[in-house]
Amino acid sequence: MSPVDSSFLMLNEVAAAIWLGADGRTRLADIVERSICSKFEIEPCVAHRDAQKFVQELLWHRIVVISESPIHNAPVPILPSLGSVSVSSPV
């Protein structure tokens, strides 16, 4: 549920793979390559673009937080994003 507007977000299989890969140490690009490109017939550049849009939506809803470095021992799922940027869902 979004703390911004109390809306519920439904995750499809691809969005769920990104969410489940949110561990604070794995970059978004790596999650996309391992969990999306390897399982779905999609061009890597399209998958990366769509994943970045999804993360931006989560950011807008304040469901994830971005960090410049990996977040260890976080109490919530974490999603590293572009480069060394980490994304964590806030408590």
Protein backbone atom coordinates (compact mmCIF):
# COMPACT_ATOMS: atom_id res chain seq x y z
CA MET A 1 0.00 0.00 0.00
CA SER A 2 1.26 3.43 -0.90
CA PRO A 3 1.76 5.77 2.05
CA VAL A 4 1.34 8.67 -0.40
CA ASP A 5 -2.23 8.00 -1.51
CA SER A 6 -3.23 4.71 0.20
CA SER A 7 -3.48 2.93 -3.16
CA PHE A 8 -2.64 -0.74 -3.54
CA LEU A 9 -0.01 -1.73 -6.07
CA MET A 10 -0.50 -5.00 -7.89
CA LEU A 11 2.73 -6.63 -9.03
CA ASN A 12 2.95 -8.69 -12.19
CA GLU A 13 5.53 -11.47 -12.50
CA VAL A 14 8.29 -9.11 -13.64
CA ALA A 15 7.63 -6.51 -10.94
CA ALA A 16 7.51 -9.27 -8.33
CA ALA A 17 10.91 -10.54 -9.52
CA ILE A 18 12.37 -7.07 -9.03
CA TRP A 19 10.76 -6.72 -5.59
CA LEU A 20 11.94 -10.16 -4.49
CA GLY A 21 15.46 -9.39 -5.68
CA ALA A 22 15.61 -6.35 -3.41
CA ASP A 23 18.35 -7.43 -1.04
CA GLY A 24 20.45 -4.29 -0.77
CA ARG A 25 23.49 -5.83 -2.40
CA THR A 26 22.31 -6.78 -5.89
CA ARG A 27 22.14 -4.00 -8.46
CA LEU A 28 18.91 -3.52 -10.38
CA ALA A 29 20.79 -4.27 -13.61
CA ASP A 30 21.85 -7.65 -12.21
CA ILE A 31 18.32 -8.49 -11.03
CA VAL A 32 16.98 -7.63 -14.48
CA GLU A 33 19.57 -9.81 -16.21
CA ARG A 34 19.19 -12.81 -13.87
CA SER A 35 15.50 -12.73 -13.02
CA ILE A 36 13.89 -11.13 -16.05
CA CYS A 37 15.98 -11.40 -19.21
CA SER A 38 16.85 -15.02 -18.49
CA LYS A 39 13.18 -16.00 -17.98
CA PHE A 40 11.23 -13.77 -20.35
CA GLU A 41 11.66 -13.03 -24.04
CA ILE A 42 12.60 -9.37 -23.79
CA GLU A 43 15.49 -7.28 -25.04
CA PRO A 44 17.83 -6.29 -22.19
CA CYS A 45 17.60 -2.57 -23.00
CA VAL A 46 13.78 -2.73 -22.86
CA ALA A 47 13.84 -4.74 -19.63
CA HIS A 48 16.26 -2.28 -17.99
CA ARG A 49 14.18 0.72 -19.08
CA ASP A 50 10.96 -0.84 -17.79
CA ALA A 51 12.60 -1.83 -14.50
CA GLN A 52 13.84 1.72 -13.98
CA LYS A 53 10.32 3.05 -14.61
CA PHE A 54 8.95 0.57 -12.07
CA VAL A 55 11.50 1.66 -9.46
CA GLN A 56 10.63 5.31 -10.14
CA GLU A 57 6.97 4.49 -9.48
CA LEU A 58 7.92 2.80 -6.21
CA LEU A 59 9.99 5.85 -5.29
CA TRP A 60 7.05 8.15 -5.97
CA HIS A 61 4.85 6.04 -3.71
CA ARG A 62 7.62 6.06 -1.06
CA ILE A 63 7.74 2.27 -1.10
CA VAL A 64 11.49 2.17 -1.76
CA VAL A 65 14.46 4.32 -0.84
CA ILE A 66 17.61 4.79 -2.92
CA SER A 67 21.11 4.60 -1.44
CA GLU A 68 24.45 5.16 -3.15
CA SER A 69 25.92 2.07 -1.53
CA PRO A 70 24.64 -1.37 -0.53
CA ILE A 71 22.51 -1.45 2.59
CA HIS A 72 23.43 -4.36 4.86
CA ASN A 73 21.23 -5.77 7.61
CA ALA A 74 18.22 -3.68 6.61
CA PRO A 75 14.94 -4.69 8.26
CA VAL A 76 13.07 -4.45 4.92
CA PRO A 77 13.59 -5.57 1.30
CA ILE A 78 16.24 -3.58 -0.53
CA LEU A 79 16.72 -3.06 -4.24
CA PRO A 80 20.04 -1.80 -5.56
CA SER A 81 19.43 0.22 -8.66
CA LEU A 82 21.62 1.74 -11.35
CA GLY A 83 25.34 1.38 -10.82
CA SER A 84 25.98 1.16 -7.12
CA VAL A 85 22.70 2.78 -6.10
CA SER A 86 20.72 0.72 -3.61
CA VAL A 87 16.98 0.89 -3.12
CA SER A 88 15.31 -0.07 0.12
CA SER A 89 11.67 -0.17 1.06
CA PRO A 90 11.13 1.99 4.16
CA VAL A 91 9.58 0.62 7.32
